[in-house]
Amino acid sequence: MNTLYLPTNGVTYKIVKRLLDIVLSIAILPIVLILVAIVAVIVKLTSPGPIFYQHRRVGLGRKNFGLWKFRTMFHNSDHIFWNHLAQDADARREWLCYRKLKYDPRITKVGAILRRTNLDELPQLLNVILGQMSLVGPRPVVEDELKRYGAGETLYSAVLPGITGLWQVSGRGCLPYEKRVALDVEYVSTWSFTQDLVVLTRTLNAIWTCRGAF
């Protein structure tokens, strides 16, 4: 099968990619809205605090945007987190390596389920519809993380971040942060319509197996 490859700055590819985002988002919107309503009720009834959580992330052209997720943590999560790292050297090393913790005391019981099933990311479909994200792309990062991309920072900020991407279908939290950066750079360097379709297909398997999701 011939791969439809178009460079990062190709106008045709950008148009096709955006059309794919809009068409697929609209197609799955009815199902997503039902799931959002159900999850919203569960989050509200099981722990105090807001239903949704918005966090500033870096988008196209290094412009910040508010990424939407379901709240999966306790309301005093910052205090819980830094206290945990201060008392647990292994957790500090794990955080420095992966920027994730397999056991994260900030996360509620319902939040842990939402994260493993990726249901916490359903609200990001709004970011896609608004043109702040794509269905497929590099994982959205915070401003402080860009320095870890080194020379790849320019490539990262040249595209829309995605709900899913190479990192999400290649092991997620099981991979060191440096590998995540390498996969983001690889995605942008080999940007193609075929690759987007492959990632979307592999995402279904990643969600089903929950590999690396925590």
N, C-alpha and C. Protein backbone atom coordinates (compact mmCIF):
# COMPACT_ATOMS: atom_id res chain seq x y z
N MET A 1 0.85 -1.19 0.00
CA MET A 1 0.00 0.00 0.00
C MET A 1 0.88 1.24 0.00
N ASN A 2 0.59 2.19 -0.85
CA ASN A 2 1.37 3.42 -0.91
C ASN A 2 0.97 4.33 0.25
N THR A 3 1.97 4.88 0.90
CA THR A 3 1.73 5.78 2.01
C THR A 3 1.50 7.19 1.50
N LEU A 4 0.41 7.81 1.92
CA LEU A 4 0.15 9.19 1.54
C LEU A 4 0.93 10.07 2.49
N TYR A 5 2.11 10.53 2.04
CA TYR A 5 2.95 11.36 2.88
C TYR A 5 2.89 12.80 2.41
N LEU A 6 2.66 13.69 3.33
CA LEU A 6 2.66 15.11 3.03
C LEU A 6 3.47 15.80 4.11
N PRO A 7 4.35 16.72 3.79
CA PRO A 7 5.20 17.37 4.77
C PRO A 7 4.40 18.18 5.76
N THR A 8 5.05 18.51 6.89
CA THR A 8 4.38 19.22 7.96
C THR A 8 3.76 20.53 7.49
N ASN A 9 4.43 21.23 6.56
CA ASN A 9 3.90 22.50 6.12
C ASN A 9 3.01 22.38 4.89
N GLY A 10 2.63 21.14 4.50
CA GLY A 10 1.78 20.95 3.33
C GLY A 10 0.37 21.41 3.60
N VAL A 11 -0.10 22.35 2.79
CA VAL A 11 -1.44 22.90 2.97
C VAL A 11 -2.50 21.82 2.79
N THR A 12 -2.32 20.96 1.79
CA THR A 12 -3.29 19.90 1.51
C THR A 12 -3.45 18.98 2.71
N TYR A 13 -2.32 18.56 3.28
CA TYR A 13 -2.39 17.65 4.42
C TYR A 13 -3.09 18.30 5.61
N LYS A 14 -2.79 19.58 5.86
CA LYS A 14 -3.41 20.27 6.99
C LYS A 14 -4.93 20.34 6.81
N ILE A 15 -5.36 20.57 5.58
CA ILE A 15 -6.80 20.64 5.30
C ILE A 15 -7.45 19.27 5.51
N VAL A 16 -6.80 18.21 4.98
CA VAL A 16 -7.32 16.85 5.13
C VAL A 16 -7.37 16.45 6.59
N LYS A 17 -6.33 16.78 7.33
CA LYS A 17 -6.26 16.43 8.74
C LYS A 17 -7.36 17.13 9.53
N ARG A 18 -7.58 18.40 9.24
CA ARG A 18 -8.63 19.14 9.94
C ARG A 18 -10.01 18.60 9.59
N LEU A 19 -10.23 18.28 8.33
CA LEU A 19 -11.51 17.69 7.92
C LEU A 19 -11.75 16.36 8.62
N LEU A 20 -10.68 15.56 8.75
CA LEU A 20 -10.80 14.27 9.45
C LEU A 20 -11.20 14.49 10.90
N ASP A 21 -10.58 15.48 11.54
CA ASP A 21 -10.91 15.80 12.93
C ASP A 21 -12.38 16.18 13.07
N ILE A 22 -12.86 17.04 12.19
CA ILE A 22 -14.23 17.53 12.27
C ILE A 22 -15.24 16.41 12.00
N VAL A 23 -15.00 15.66 10.94
CA VAL A 23 -15.94 14.59 10.55
C VAL A 23 -16.03 13.53 11.63
N LEU A 24 -14.88 13.05 12.12
CA LEU A 24 -14.89 12.00 13.15
C LEU A 24 -15.46 12.52 14.46
N SER A 25 -15.14 13.76 14.80
CA SER A 25 -15.66 14.33 16.05
C SER A 25 -17.18 14.43 16.03
N ILE A 26 -17.71 14.89 14.92
CA ILE A 26 -19.17 15.01 14.79
C ILE A 26 -19.82 13.62 14.80
N ALA A 27 -19.15 12.65 14.18
CA ALA A 27 -19.70 11.30 14.09
C ALA A 27 -19.83 10.64 15.46
N ILE A 28 -18.84 10.87 16.32
CA ILE A 28 -18.86 10.21 17.63
C ILE A 28 -19.46 11.09 18.72
N LEU A 29 -19.82 12.34 18.39
CA LEU A 29 -20.33 13.28 19.39
C LEU A 29 -21.54 12.77 20.16
N PRO A 30 -22.56 12.17 19.52
CA PRO A 30 -23.72 11.69 20.28
C PRO A 30 -23.34 10.68 21.37
N ILE A 31 -22.45 9.75 21.04
CA ILE A 31 -22.02 8.75 22.02
C ILE A 31 -21.21 9.42 23.13
N VAL A 32 -20.33 10.34 22.73
CA VAL A 32 -19.49 11.03 23.71
C VAL A 32 -20.34 11.83 24.69
N LEU A 33 -21.38 12.50 24.20
CA LEU A 33 -22.23 13.30 25.09
C LEU A 33 -22.94 12.44 26.12
N ILE A 34 -23.36 11.25 25.72
CA ILE A 34 -24.01 10.33 26.67
C ILE A 34 -23.01 9.90 27.74
N LEU A 35 -21.81 9.53 27.31
CA LEU A 35 -20.78 9.12 28.25
C LEU A 35 -20.37 10.26 29.19
N VAL A 36 -20.27 11.47 28.63
CA VAL A 36 -19.91 12.63 29.44
C VAL A 36 -20.95 12.87 30.53
N ALA A 37 -22.22 12.74 30.19
CA ALA A 37 -23.28 12.95 31.17
C ALA A 37 -23.20 11.92 32.30
N ILE A 38 -22.95 10.67 31.94
CA ILE A 38 -22.86 9.60 32.95
C ILE A 38 -21.66 9.81 33.85
N VAL A 39 -20.51 10.06 33.24
CA VAL A 39 -19.28 10.24 34.02
C VAL A 39 -19.38 11.48 34.91
N ALA A 40 -19.99 12.54 34.41
CA ALA A 40 -20.13 13.77 35.18
C ALA A 40 -20.90 13.53 36.47
N VAL A 41 -21.96 12.77 36.39
CA VAL A 41 -22.76 12.45 37.58
C VAL A 41 -21.93 11.64 38.58
N ILE A 42 -21.20 10.66 38.08
CA ILE A 42 -20.38 9.81 38.95
C ILE A 42 -19.30 10.62 39.65
N VAL A 43 -18.61 11.48 38.91
CA VAL A 43 -17.55 12.31 39.49
C VAL A 43 -18.12 13.22 40.57
N LYS A 44 -19.26 13.82 40.29
CA LYS A 44 -19.87 14.76 41.24
C LYS A 44 -20.30 14.07 42.52
N LEU A 45 -20.81 12.84 42.41
CA LEU A 45 -21.35 12.14 43.57
C LEU A 45 -20.28 11.44 44.42
N THR A 46 -19.09 11.23 43.87
CA THR A 46 -18.10 10.41 44.58
C THR A 46 -16.99 11.20 45.26
N SER A 47 -16.84 12.47 44.95
CA SER A 47 -15.80 13.27 45.64
C SER A 47 -16.11 14.75 45.49
N PRO A 48 -15.77 15.54 46.53
CA PRO A 48 -16.04 16.98 46.45
C PRO A 48 -15.12 17.67 45.44
N GLY A 49 -15.65 18.72 44.83
CA GLY A 49 -14.85 19.46 43.86
C GLY A 49 -15.57 19.57 42.54
N PRO A 50 -14.98 20.31 41.60
CA PRO A 50 -15.61 20.49 40.28
C PRO A 50 -15.62 19.20 39.47
N ILE A 51 -16.50 19.12 38.50
CA ILE A 51 -16.59 17.94 37.64
C ILE A 51 -15.45 17.93 36.61
N PHE A 52 -15.21 19.10 36.04
CA PHE A 52 -14.20 19.20 35.00
C PHE A 52 -12.95 19.90 35.52
N TYR A 53 -11.87 19.67 34.82
CA TYR A 53 -10.58 20.26 35.20
C TYR A 53 -9.95 20.84 33.94
N GLN A 54 -9.54 22.10 34.01
CA GLN A 54 -8.91 22.73 32.87
C GLN A 54 -7.47 23.08 33.22
N HIS A 55 -6.55 22.72 32.32
CA HIS A 55 -5.13 22.95 32.59
C HIS A 55 -4.50 23.59 31.37
N ARG A 56 -3.59 24.55 31.60
CA ARG A 56 -2.94 25.24 30.50
C ARG A 56 -1.89 24.34 29.86
N ARG A 57 -1.99 24.17 28.54
CA ARG A 57 -1.03 23.38 27.78
C ARG A 57 -0.54 24.20 26.59
N VAL A 58 0.57 23.74 26.01
CA VAL A 58 1.17 24.43 24.87
C VAL A 58 0.59 23.86 23.58
N GLY A 59 0.12 24.74 22.71
CA GLY A 59 -0.46 24.30 21.45
C GLY A 59 0.34 24.75 20.25
N LEU A 60 -0.31 24.83 19.14
CA LEU A 60 0.31 25.23 17.88
C LEU A 60 0.93 26.62 18.01
N GLY A 61 2.17 26.77 17.54
CA GLY A 61 2.84 28.06 17.61
C GLY A 61 3.16 28.50 19.02
N ARG A 62 3.22 27.54 19.95
CA ARG A 62 3.51 27.80 21.37
C ARG A 62 2.44 28.65 22.05
N LYS A 63 1.25 28.69 21.47
CA LYS A 63 0.14 29.39 22.10
C LYS A 63 -0.50 28.49 23.14
N ASN A 64 -0.70 29.00 24.34
CA ASN A 64 -1.31 28.21 25.40
C ASN A 64 -2.83 28.13 25.20
N PHE A 65 -3.39 27.00 25.63
CA PHE A 65 -4.84 26.82 25.58
C PHE A 65 -5.27 26.01 26.80
N GLY A 66 -6.54 26.07 27.09
CA GLY A 66 -7.07 25.33 28.24
C GLY A 66 -7.52 23.94 27.83
N LEU A 67 -6.80 22.92 28.27
CA LEU A 67 -7.15 21.53 27.97
C LEU A 67 -8.17 21.04 28.99
N TRP A 68 -9.26 20.43 28.49
CA TRP A 68 -10.34 19.98 29.36
C TRP A 68 -10.23 18.48 29.66
N LYS A 69 -10.45 18.14 30.91
CA LYS A 69 -10.49 16.74 31.34
C LYS A 69 -11.51 16.63 32.47
N PHE A 70 -11.94 15.41 32.74
CA PHE A 70 -12.70 15.18 33.96
C PHE A 70 -11.73 15.24 35.13
N ARG A 71 -12.17 15.79 36.23
CA ARG A 71 -11.33 15.83 37.43
C ARG A 71 -11.15 14.40 37.95
N THR A 72 -9.90 14.01 38.11
CA THR A 72 -9.60 12.66 38.60
C THR A 72 -8.85 12.69 39.93
N MET A 73 -8.59 13.91 40.45
CA MET A 73 -7.81 14.04 41.68
C MET A 73 -8.62 14.69 42.79
N PHE A 74 -8.12 14.54 44.02
CA PHE A 74 -8.72 15.20 45.17
C PHE A 74 -8.49 16.71 45.06
N HIS A 75 -9.33 17.49 45.73
CA HIS A 75 -9.27 18.94 45.60
C HIS A 75 -7.97 19.52 46.14
N ASN A 76 -7.33 18.85 47.10
CA ASN A 76 -6.05 19.32 47.66
C ASN A 76 -4.89 18.51 47.10
N SER A 77 -4.92 18.23 45.82
CA SER A 77 -3.97 17.32 45.19
C SER A 77 -2.52 17.80 45.25
N ASP A 78 -2.30 19.11 45.14
CA ASP A 78 -0.92 19.62 45.17
C ASP A 78 -0.23 19.32 46.49
N HIS A 79 -0.93 19.55 47.58
CA HIS A 79 -0.38 19.27 48.90
C HIS A 79 -0.09 17.78 49.06
N ILE A 80 -1.02 16.95 48.63
CA ILE A 80 -0.85 15.49 48.72
C ILE A 80 0.36 15.05 47.90
N PHE A 81 0.50 15.61 46.70
CA PHE A 81 1.57 15.20 45.78
C PHE A 81 2.95 15.53 46.33
N TRP A 82 3.19 16.79 46.69
CA TRP A 82 4.52 17.19 47.14
C TRP A 82 4.88 16.56 48.47
N ASN A 83 3.90 16.34 49.31
CA ASN A 83 4.15 15.65 50.58
C ASN A 83 4.57 14.21 50.32
N HIS A 84 3.93 13.57 49.34
CA HIS A 84 4.26 12.18 48.98
C HIS A 84 5.69 12.09 48.42
N LEU A 85 6.05 13.00 47.54
CA LEU A 85 7.40 12.98 46.96
C LEU A 85 8.47 13.26 48.02
N ALA A 86 8.14 14.13 48.96
CA ALA A 86 9.10 14.46 50.02
C ALA A 86 9.40 13.27 50.92
N GLN A 87 8.43 12.38 51.05
CA GLN A 87 8.59 11.25 51.95
C GLN A 87 9.00 9.96 51.26
N ASP A 88 8.93 9.91 49.93
CA ASP A 88 9.19 8.67 49.19
C ASP A 88 10.23 8.90 48.09
N ALA A 89 11.46 8.45 48.33
CA ALA A 89 12.55 8.65 47.37
C ALA A 89 12.30 7.90 46.07
N ASP A 90 11.70 6.71 46.16
CA ASP A 90 11.41 5.94 44.95
C ASP A 90 10.40 6.67 44.07
N ALA A 91 9.43 7.28 44.71
CA ALA A 91 8.42 8.04 43.97
C ALA A 91 9.06 9.25 43.29
N ARG A 92 10.00 9.90 43.96
CA ARG A 92 10.70 11.04 43.35
C ARG A 92 11.45 10.61 42.10
N ARG A 93 12.15 9.48 42.18
CA ARG A 93 12.90 8.98 41.03
C ARG A 93 11.95 8.60 39.89
N GLU A 94 10.83 7.97 40.25
CA GLU A 94 9.86 7.58 39.23
C GLU A 94 9.28 8.81 38.54
N TRP A 95 8.99 9.85 39.29
CA TRP A 95 8.44 11.07 38.72
C TRP A 95 9.44 11.76 37.79
N LEU A 96 10.69 11.80 38.19
CA LEU A 96 11.72 12.43 37.37
C LEU A 96 11.93 11.68 36.05
N CYS A 97 11.78 10.37 36.08
CA CYS A 97 12.00 9.54 34.89
C CYS A 97 10.79 9.54 33.97
N TYR A 98 9.60 9.35 34.53
CA TYR A 98 8.41 9.15 33.70
C TYR A 98 7.43 10.32 33.69
N ARG A 99 7.59 11.24 34.65
CA ARG A 99 6.62 12.31 34.85
C ARG A 99 5.24 11.75 35.15
N LYS A 100 5.20 10.55 35.67
CA LYS A 100 3.98 9.86 36.08
C LYS A 100 4.31 8.95 37.26
N LEU A 101 3.29 8.62 38.05
CA LEU A 101 3.46 7.69 39.16
C LEU A 101 2.45 6.55 39.01
N LYS A 102 2.93 5.31 39.14
CA LYS A 102 2.00 4.17 39.08
C LYS A 102 1.04 4.23 40.26
N TYR A 103 1.58 4.62 41.43
CA TYR A 103 0.70 4.86 42.57
C TYR A 103 0.72 6.35 42.85
N ASP A 104 -0.33 7.02 42.50
CA ASP A 104 -0.43 8.46 42.68
C ASP A 104 -1.51 8.74 43.72
N PRO A 105 -1.11 9.16 44.94
CA PRO A 105 -2.08 9.36 46.02
C PRO A 105 -3.06 10.49 45.77
N ARG A 106 -2.81 11.29 44.75
CA ARG A 106 -3.73 12.40 44.44
C ARG A 106 -5.00 11.92 43.77
N ILE A 107 -4.95 10.74 43.16
CA ILE A 107 -6.04 10.28 42.31
C ILE A 107 -7.13 9.58 43.11
N THR A 108 -8.37 9.93 42.85
CA THR A 108 -9.50 9.29 43.53
C THR A 108 -9.72 7.89 42.96
N LYS A 109 -10.52 7.09 43.62
CA LYS A 109 -10.81 5.74 43.13
C LYS A 109 -11.50 5.79 41.76
N VAL A 110 -12.47 6.68 41.64
CA VAL A 110 -13.14 6.84 40.34
C VAL A 110 -12.17 7.39 39.32
N GLY A 111 -11.32 8.32 39.74
CA GLY A 111 -10.34 8.90 38.84
C GLY A 111 -9.39 7.87 38.26
N ALA A 112 -9.01 6.89 39.08
CA ALA A 112 -8.11 5.84 38.61
C ALA A 112 -8.77 5.03 37.48
N ILE A 113 -10.05 4.76 37.63
CA ILE A 113 -10.79 4.02 36.59
C ILE A 113 -10.89 4.86 35.33
N LEU A 114 -11.20 6.14 35.49
CA LEU A 114 -11.32 7.03 34.34
C LEU A 114 -10.01 7.10 33.57
N ARG A 115 -8.90 7.14 34.30
CA ARG A 115 -7.59 7.23 33.64
C ARG A 115 -7.24 5.94 32.90
N ARG A 116 -7.52 4.81 33.53
CA ARG A 116 -7.18 3.53 32.90
C ARG A 116 -8.01 3.29 31.65
N THR A 117 -9.23 3.80 31.64
CA THR A 117 -10.11 3.61 30.49
C THR A 117 -10.08 4.80 29.53
N ASN A 118 -9.29 5.83 29.88
CA ASN A 118 -9.17 7.05 29.06
C ASN A 118 -10.46 7.87 29.01
N LEU A 119 -11.43 7.55 29.84
CA LEU A 119 -12.67 8.31 29.84
C LEU A 119 -12.47 9.73 30.36
N ASP A 120 -11.40 9.95 31.13
CA ASP A 120 -11.15 11.29 31.64
C ASP A 120 -10.83 12.29 30.52
N GLU A 121 -10.46 11.77 29.34
CA GLU A 121 -10.07 12.64 28.23
C GLU A 121 -11.22 12.94 27.27
N LEU A 122 -12.40 12.43 27.55
CA LEU A 122 -13.54 12.69 26.66
C LEU A 122 -13.80 14.18 26.42
N PRO A 123 -13.69 15.04 27.46
CA PRO A 123 -13.96 16.47 27.22
C PRO A 123 -13.00 17.12 26.23
N GLN A 124 -11.88 16.48 25.93
CA GLN A 124 -10.92 17.06 24.98
C GLN A 124 -11.47 17.09 23.55
N LEU A 125 -12.58 16.39 23.34
CA LEU A 125 -13.21 16.48 22.02
C LEU A 125 -13.63 17.92 21.75
N LEU A 126 -13.96 18.67 22.81
CA LEU A 126 -14.29 20.09 22.67
C LEU A 126 -13.07 20.86 22.15
N ASN A 127 -11.87 20.53 22.68
CA ASN A 127 -10.65 21.17 22.21
C ASN A 127 -10.40 20.90 20.73
N VAL A 128 -10.75 19.68 20.29
CA VAL A 128 -10.58 19.32 18.88
C VAL A 128 -11.55 20.14 18.01
N ILE A 129 -12.80 20.21 18.42
CA ILE A 129 -13.81 20.95 17.66
C ILE A 129 -13.44 22.43 17.56
N LEU A 130 -12.85 22.96 18.64
CA LEU A 130 -12.45 24.38 18.65
C LEU A 130 -11.16 24.63 17.88
N GLY A 131 -10.52 23.57 17.40
CA GLY A 131 -9.30 23.73 16.62
C GLY A 131 -8.05 23.92 17.46
N GLN A 132 -8.14 23.63 18.77
CA GLN A 132 -6.99 23.76 19.66
C GLN A 132 -6.16 22.47 19.71
N MET A 133 -6.80 21.36 19.34
CA MET A 133 -6.14 20.07 19.34
C MET A 133 -6.57 19.30 18.09
N SER A 134 -5.87 18.20 17.85
CA SER A 134 -6.24 17.28 16.78
C SER A 134 -6.54 15.93 17.43
N LEU A 135 -7.20 15.05 16.71
CA LEU A 135 -7.41 13.71 17.25
C LEU A 135 -6.09 12.99 17.41
N VAL A 136 -5.15 13.22 16.48
CA VAL A 136 -3.84 12.58 16.52
C VAL A 136 -2.75 13.65 16.49
N GLY A 137 -1.78 13.51 17.38
CA GLY A 137 -0.68 14.48 17.42
C GLY A 137 0.18 14.24 18.63
N PRO A 138 1.17 15.09 18.87
CA PRO A 138 2.00 14.97 20.06
C PRO A 138 1.15 15.16 21.32
N ARG A 139 1.56 14.56 22.41
CA ARG A 139 0.83 14.72 23.65
C ARG A 139 0.96 16.16 24.14
N PRO A 140 -0.14 16.84 24.49
CA PRO A 140 -0.05 18.22 24.96
C PRO A 140 0.75 18.32 26.26
N VAL A 141 1.69 19.26 26.29
CA VAL A 141 2.57 19.41 27.46
C VAL A 141 2.40 20.79 28.06
N VAL A 142 2.89 20.95 29.28
CA VAL A 142 2.91 22.26 29.92
C VAL A 142 4.17 23.00 29.48
N GLU A 143 4.20 24.29 29.69
CA GLU A 143 5.31 25.14 29.22
C GLU A 143 6.67 24.65 29.73
N ASP A 144 6.74 24.27 31.01
CA ASP A 144 8.02 23.87 31.60
C ASP A 144 8.60 22.61 30.96
N GLU A 145 7.75 21.80 30.35
CA GLU A 145 8.23 20.55 29.76
C GLU A 145 8.92 20.75 28.41
N LEU A 146 8.67 21.87 27.75
CA LEU A 146 9.23 22.09 26.43
C LEU A 146 10.76 22.05 26.41
N LYS A 147 11.38 22.45 27.51
CA LYS A 147 12.84 22.45 27.55
C LYS A 147 13.41 21.04 27.44
N ARG A 148 12.60 20.04 27.77
CA ARG A 148 13.06 18.66 27.67
C ARG A 148 13.02 18.15 26.23
N TYR A 149 12.42 18.94 25.34
CA TYR A 149 12.36 18.55 23.93
C TYR A 149 13.61 18.97 23.16
N GLY A 150 14.42 19.85 23.75
CA GLY A 150 15.65 20.26 23.11
C GLY A 150 15.41 20.79 21.70
N ALA A 151 16.17 20.23 20.74
CA ALA A 151 16.03 20.66 19.35
C ALA A 151 14.66 20.32 18.78
N GLY A 152 13.96 19.37 19.41
CA GLY A 152 12.64 18.97 18.92
C GLY A 152 11.53 19.93 19.30
N GLU A 153 11.86 20.97 20.08
CA GLU A 153 10.84 21.92 20.52
C GLU A 153 10.18 22.62 19.35
N THR A 154 10.97 22.99 18.34
CA THR A 154 10.43 23.67 17.16
C THR A 154 9.44 22.79 16.42
N LEU A 155 9.79 21.49 16.27
CA LEU A 155 8.89 20.56 15.61
C LEU A 155 7.61 20.40 16.40
N TYR A 156 7.73 20.26 17.72
CA TYR A 156 6.56 20.06 18.56
C TYR A 156 5.56 21.21 18.41
N SER A 157 6.06 22.43 18.44
CA SER A 157 5.17 23.60 18.41
C SER A 157 4.67 23.92 17.01
N ALA A 158 5.06 23.12 16.01
CA ALA A 158 4.64 23.38 14.63
C ALA A 158 3.33 22.69 14.28
N VAL A 159 2.80 21.87 15.20
CA VAL A 159 1.57 21.13 14.93
C VAL A 159 0.62 21.22 16.12
N LEU A 160 -0.62 20.81 15.90
CA LEU A 160 -1.58 20.73 17.00
C LEU A 160 -1.31 19.50 17.85
N PRO A 161 -1.36 19.62 19.16
CA PRO A 161 -1.24 18.43 20.01
C PRO A 161 -2.47 17.55 19.81
N GLY A 162 -2.35 16.27 20.16
CA GLY A 162 -3.45 15.34 19.89
C GLY A 162 -3.98 14.64 21.13
N ILE A 163 -5.22 14.17 21.03
CA ILE A 163 -5.80 13.35 22.10
C ILE A 163 -5.05 12.02 22.17
N THR A 164 -4.69 11.50 21.01
CA THR A 164 -3.89 10.28 20.95
C THR A 164 -2.70 10.52 20.03
N GLY A 165 -1.73 9.60 20.08
CA GLY A 165 -0.53 9.76 19.27
C GLY A 165 0.37 8.54 19.41
N LEU A 166 1.58 8.64 18.91
CA LEU A 166 2.50 7.50 18.95
C LEU A 166 2.82 7.07 20.38
N TRP A 167 2.96 8.04 21.28
CA TRP A 167 3.27 7.69 22.67
C TRP A 167 2.14 6.87 23.29
N GLN A 168 0.90 7.29 23.04
CA GLN A 168 -0.24 6.62 23.65
C GLN A 168 -0.42 5.19 23.16
N VAL A 169 0.03 4.89 21.94
CA VAL A 169 -0.15 3.53 21.40
C VAL A 169 1.14 2.72 21.48
N SER A 170 2.15 3.27 22.17
CA SER A 170 3.44 2.57 22.24
C SER A 170 3.85 2.21 23.66
N GLY A 171 2.92 2.34 24.61
CA GLY A 171 3.24 1.96 25.97
C GLY A 171 2.88 2.98 27.02
N ARG A 172 2.63 4.22 26.61
CA ARG A 172 2.23 5.29 27.52
C ARG A 172 3.13 5.40 28.74
N GLY A 173 2.56 5.23 29.93
CA GLY A 173 3.30 5.43 31.17
C GLY A 173 4.42 4.46 31.40
N CYS A 174 4.49 3.39 30.63
CA CYS A 174 5.59 2.42 30.78
C CYS A 174 6.88 2.93 30.15
N LEU A 175 6.80 3.99 29.36
CA LEU A 175 7.96 4.51 28.64
C LEU A 175 8.60 5.67 29.40
N PRO A 176 9.93 5.74 29.41
CA PRO A 176 10.61 6.90 29.99
C PRO A 176 10.22 8.18 29.25
N TYR A 177 10.35 9.30 29.92
CA TYR A 177 9.93 10.56 29.31
C TYR A 177 10.71 10.87 28.05
N GLU A 178 11.99 10.52 28.03
CA GLU A 178 12.81 10.78 26.84
C GLU A 178 12.27 10.03 25.63
N LYS A 179 11.73 8.83 25.84
CA LYS A 179 11.14 8.07 24.74
C LYS A 179 9.87 8.74 24.26
N ARG A 180 9.12 9.30 25.17
CA ARG A 180 7.91 10.02 24.80
C ARG A 180 8.26 11.21 23.90
N VAL A 181 9.30 11.94 24.28
CA VAL A 181 9.75 13.08 23.47
C VAL A 181 10.17 12.60 22.09
N ALA A 182 10.93 11.49 22.05
CA ALA A 182 11.40 10.96 20.76
C ALA A 182 10.23 10.56 19.86
N LEU A 183 9.18 10.00 20.44
CA LEU A 183 8.02 9.59 19.66
C LEU A 183 7.26 10.80 19.13
N ASP A 184 7.17 11.86 19.93
CA ASP A 184 6.51 13.08 19.47
C ASP A 184 7.26 13.67 18.28
N VAL A 185 8.59 13.71 18.40
CA VAL A 185 9.42 14.25 17.31
C VAL A 185 9.31 13.37 16.08
N GLU A 186 9.29 12.05 16.28
CA GLU A 186 9.15 11.12 15.16
C GLU A 186 7.82 11.33 14.45
N TYR A 187 6.75 11.55 15.21
CA TYR A 187 5.44 11.75 14.59
C TYR A 187 5.44 12.96 13.67
N VAL A 188 5.96 14.09 14.18
CA VAL A 188 5.96 15.31 13.38
C VAL A 188 6.89 15.17 12.17
N SER A 189 8.00 14.48 12.36
CA SER A 189 8.97 14.32 11.27
C SER A 189 8.44 13.44 10.15
N THR A 190 7.51 12.54 10.47
CA THR A 190 6.99 11.60 9.47
C THR A 190 5.49 11.77 9.29
N TRP A 191 5.00 12.97 9.54
CA TRP A 191 3.58 13.30 9.47
C TRP A 191 2.95 12.78 8.18
N SER A 192 1.90 11.99 8.29
CA SER A 192 1.21 11.51 7.09
C SER A 192 -0.22 11.11 7.45
N PHE A 193 -1.08 11.15 6.45
CA PHE A 193 -2.48 10.78 6.65
C PHE A 193 -2.59 9.30 7.02
N THR A 194 -1.78 8.47 6.36
CA THR A 194 -1.79 7.04 6.66
C THR A 194 -1.40 6.77 8.11
N GLN A 195 -0.36 7.48 8.57
CA GLN A 195 0.08 7.28 9.96
C GLN A 195 -1.02 7.67 10.94
N ASP A 196 -1.75 8.74 10.65
CA ASP A 196 -2.85 9.14 11.52
C ASP A 196 -3.90 8.03 11.63
N LEU A 197 -4.24 7.43 10.50
CA LEU A 197 -5.23 6.35 10.51
C LEU A 197 -4.72 5.14 11.28
N VAL A 198 -3.42 4.85 11.14
CA VAL A 198 -2.83 3.72 11.87
C VAL A 198 -2.88 3.99 13.38
N VAL A 199 -2.54 5.19 13.78
CA VAL A 199 -2.56 5.54 15.21
C VAL A 199 -3.98 5.46 15.77
N LEU A 200 -4.96 5.95 15.01
CA LEU A 200 -6.35 5.88 15.48
C LEU A 200 -6.79 4.43 15.66
N THR A 201 -6.39 3.56 14.74
CA THR A 201 -6.73 2.15 14.83
C THR A 201 -6.06 1.50 16.04
N ARG A 202 -4.78 1.79 16.23
CA ARG A 202 -4.04 1.22 17.35
C ARG A 202 -4.53 1.77 18.69
N THR A 203 -5.13 2.95 18.66
CA THR A 203 -5.65 3.55 19.89
C THR A 203 -6.76 2.70 20.48
N LEU A 204 -7.60 2.14 19.63
CA LEU A 204 -8.68 1.27 20.10
C LEU A 204 -8.13 0.10 20.89
N ASN A 205 -7.05 -0.51 20.41
CA ASN A 205 -6.42 -1.62 21.11
C ASN A 205 -5.78 -1.15 22.41
N ALA A 206 -5.15 0.03 22.39
CA ALA A 206 -4.51 0.56 23.59
C ALA A 206 -5.54 0.83 24.69
N ILE A 207 -6.70 1.34 24.29
CA ILE A 207 -7.77 1.59 25.26
C ILE A 207 -8.30 0.28 25.83
N TRP A 208 -8.46 -0.71 24.96
CA TRP A 208 -8.99 -2.00 25.39
C TRP A 208 -8.06 -2.71 26.37
N THR A 209 -6.75 -2.67 26.09
CA THR A 209 -5.79 -3.38 26.94
C THR A 209 -5.35 -2.57 28.15
N CYS A 210 -5.55 -1.23 28.09
CA CYS A 210 -5.15 -0.32 29.17
C CYS A 210 -3.65 -0.38 29.47
N ARG A 211 -2.86 -0.78 28.47
CA ARG A 211 -1.43 -0.89 28.68
C ARG A 211 -0.80 0.48 28.93
N GLY A 212 -0.09 0.58 30.05
CA GLY A 212 0.61 1.82 30.39
C GLY A 212 -0.28 2.94 30.86
N ALA A 213 -1.56 2.65 31.06
CA ALA A 213 -2.50 3.70 31.49
C ALA A 213 -2.61 3.72 33.00
N PHE A 214 -2.13 4.82 33.60
CA PHE A 214 -2.26 5.01 35.04
C PHE A 214 -2.07 6.47 35.38
